[in-house]
Amino acid sequence: MNLRSHLIPSTVLLLSLTLTGAKTATATPTSPTPPPTEIAQNTSRRANINALIDHLNAIDARMYGAYWCPHCNDQKERFGNAASRLNAEIYVECDPRGENPQTQLCIDKKVQGFPSWEINGEMYMGVKSLSELAELSGFDGDI
């Protein structure tokens, strides 16, 4: 048998399947539902992060940054869904072109780089893990 005799039946079969609306089996990616323990852990983690933000706010901790700063965005992302709370309650915009800038406060605090954290009267530069923020601020909850 030559190649042509193999191709013609294959082509006819494929064309027939296409014309009749037959579908080929394809893998469809789906997002599996996480197990209940994972959901509980995520809920607990969100509560812990919110508690950390409450604590940071209670001790008047501040994160100084600029809207264009990629490290500031990285820092905010560490707070996950609670990043909007961080923005509203803890974050201080230093660039006068940013939203609700407090440029003079940043000058008065002698902010040298972004992000900078003011915690208990001390300045800390750079992105911090949530655990580091908890330790620096004296937060005693779980993170």
Protein backbone atom coordinates (compact mmCIF):
# COMPACT_ATOMS: atom_id res chain seq x y z
CA MET A 1 0.00 0.00 0.00
CA ASN A 2 1.20 3.42 -0.78
CA LEU A 3 0.87 6.63 1.26
CA ARG A 4 -2.08 7.88 -0.81
CA SER A 5 -4.18 4.85 0.06
CA HIS A 6 -3.69 5.61 3.80
CA LEU A 7 -4.34 9.35 3.55
CA ILE A 8 -7.61 9.17 1.61
CA PRO A 9 -9.55 7.04 4.16
CA SER A 10 -8.16 9.15 7.05
CA THR A 11 -9.17 12.38 5.33
CA VAL A 12 -12.64 11.05 4.55
CA LEU A 13 -13.13 9.94 8.15
CA LEU A 14 -11.99 13.31 9.53
CA LEU A 15 -14.21 15.18 7.07
CA SER A 16 -17.18 12.97 7.99
CA LEU A 17 -16.68 13.57 11.68
CA THR A 18 -16.43 17.31 11.12
CA LEU A 19 -19.55 17.49 8.95
CA THR A 20 -21.66 15.42 11.34
CA GLY A 21 -20.69 17.59 14.27
CA ALA A 22 -18.83 14.86 16.08
CA LYS A 23 -16.48 16.24 18.67
CA THR A 24 -13.12 14.92 19.54
CA ALA A 25 -12.20 14.40 23.14
CA THR A 26 -10.25 17.32 24.49
CA ALA A 27 -9.07 18.02 27.96
CA THR A 28 -10.81 21.05 29.44
CA PRO A 29 -8.91 22.62 32.28
CA THR A 30 -11.06 23.13 35.33
CA SER A 31 -10.33 24.65 38.69
CA PRO A 32 -10.82 21.93 41.24
CA THR A 33 -12.70 22.93 44.35
CA PRO A 34 -10.21 23.15 47.18
CA PRO A 35 -10.72 20.74 50.05
CA PRO A 36 -12.53 22.11 53.15
CA THR A 37 -9.30 22.22 55.16
CA GLU A 38 -7.71 24.47 52.56
CA ILE A 39 -10.74 26.77 52.55
CA ALA A 40 -10.60 26.96 56.35
CA GLN A 41 -6.87 27.72 56.25
CA ASN A 42 -7.42 30.50 53.69
CA THR A 43 -10.24 31.98 55.77
CA SER A 44 -8.08 31.80 58.88
CA ARG A 45 -5.13 33.39 57.05
CA ARG A 46 -7.32 36.27 55.83
CA ALA A 47 -8.53 36.84 59.40
CA ASN A 48 -4.92 36.82 60.65
CA ILE A 49 -3.83 39.33 57.99
CA ASN A 50 -6.74 41.59 58.88
CA ALA A 51 -5.76 41.31 62.55
CA LEU A 52 -2.19 42.33 61.62
CA ILE A 53 -3.53 45.38 59.78
CA ASP A 54 -5.68 46.25 62.83
CA HIS A 55 -2.57 45.98 65.01
CA LEU A 56 -0.40 48.06 62.66
CA ASN A 57 -3.10 50.71 62.56
CA ALA A 58 -3.50 50.67 66.36
CA ILE A 59 0.21 51.38 66.86
CA ASP A 60 0.19 54.05 64.11
CA ALA A 61 2.56 52.11 61.85
CA ARG A 62 2.88 53.54 58.35
CA MET A 63 4.11 52.29 55.01
CA TYR A 64 5.59 55.09 52.89
CA GLY A 65 5.68 54.55 49.15
CA ALA A 66 5.02 55.85 45.67
CA TYR A 67 2.37 54.78 43.19
CA TRP A 68 5.00 53.96 40.54
CA CYS A 69 7.18 51.85 42.86
CA PRO A 70 7.18 48.13 41.93
CA HIS A 71 8.53 47.15 45.36
CA CYS A 72 5.63 48.99 47.02
CA ASN A 73 3.21 46.99 44.87
CA ASP A 74 5.02 43.79 45.83
CA GLN A 75 4.65 44.76 49.49
CA LYS A 76 0.93 45.44 49.08
CA GLU A 77 0.41 42.11 47.28
CA ARG A 78 1.72 40.28 50.34
CA PHE A 79 -1.48 41.40 52.08
CA GLY A 80 -3.62 39.64 49.46
CA ASN A 81 -7.28 40.66 49.50
CA ALA A 82 -6.60 42.96 52.45
CA ALA A 83 -4.34 45.22 50.35
CA SER A 84 -7.19 47.73 49.95
CA ARG A 85 -7.33 48.05 53.76
CA LEU A 86 -3.57 48.57 53.84
CA ASN A 87 -3.95 51.33 51.23
CA ALA A 88 -6.74 53.06 53.13
CA GLU A 89 -5.38 52.76 56.66
CA ILE A 90 -1.59 52.34 56.66
CA TYR A 91 -0.17 53.48 53.30
CA VAL A 92 1.21 57.00 52.81
CA GLU A 93 1.70 58.20 49.22
CA CYS A 94 4.90 60.25 48.93
CA ASP A 95 4.83 61.25 45.26
CA PRO A 96 2.96 64.53 44.75
CA ARG A 97 1.48 63.09 41.53
CA GLY A 98 -0.04 60.12 43.38
CA GLU A 99 -3.49 59.80 44.89
CA ASN A 100 -3.87 61.66 48.22
CA PRO A 101 -0.17 62.53 48.45
CA GLN A 102 1.38 63.44 51.78
CA THR A 103 4.70 64.58 50.38
CA GLN A 104 5.55 66.91 53.26
CA LEU A 105 5.04 64.11 55.78
CA CYS A 106 7.46 61.93 53.79
CA ILE A 107 10.00 64.77 53.79
CA ASP A 108 9.51 65.33 57.53
CA LYS A 109 9.98 61.59 58.20
CA LYS A 110 13.14 61.64 56.05
CA VAL A 111 11.94 58.76 53.89
CA GLN A 112 14.96 57.67 51.83
CA GLY A 113 13.48 54.88 49.69
CA PHE A 114 10.36 52.89 48.97
CA PRO A 115 8.77 51.12 50.59
CA SER A 116 9.71 52.36 54.04
CA TRP A 117 7.91 51.25 57.18
CA GLU A 118 7.61 53.34 60.31
CA ILE A 119 6.92 51.00 63.21
CA ASN A 120 7.12 52.04 66.85
CA GLY A 121 9.12 55.14 65.93
CA GLU A 122 11.74 53.23 63.91
CA MET A 123 12.16 53.33 60.12
CA TYR A 124 12.68 50.09 58.16
CA MET A 125 13.44 50.13 54.45
CA GLY A 126 12.43 47.55 51.89
CA VAL A 127 9.78 44.92 51.36
CA LYS A 128 9.00 42.97 54.52
CA SER A 129 7.32 39.60 54.92
CA LEU A 130 4.15 39.55 56.99
CA SER A 131 6.08 37.60 59.63
CA GLU A 132 8.75 40.32 59.75
CA LEU A 133 6.08 43.01 60.12
CA ALA A 134 4.46 41.01 62.90
CA GLU A 135 7.78 40.65 64.72
CA LEU A 136 8.86 44.28 64.24
CA SER A 137 5.50 45.55 65.46
CA GLY A 138 5.06 43.17 68.39
CA PHE A 139 2.01 41.46 66.90
CA ASP A 140 1.37 38.25 68.80
CA GLY A 141 -1.17 36.65 66.46
CA ASP A 142 -0.52 33.95 63.90
CA ILE A 143 0.65 34.83 60.40
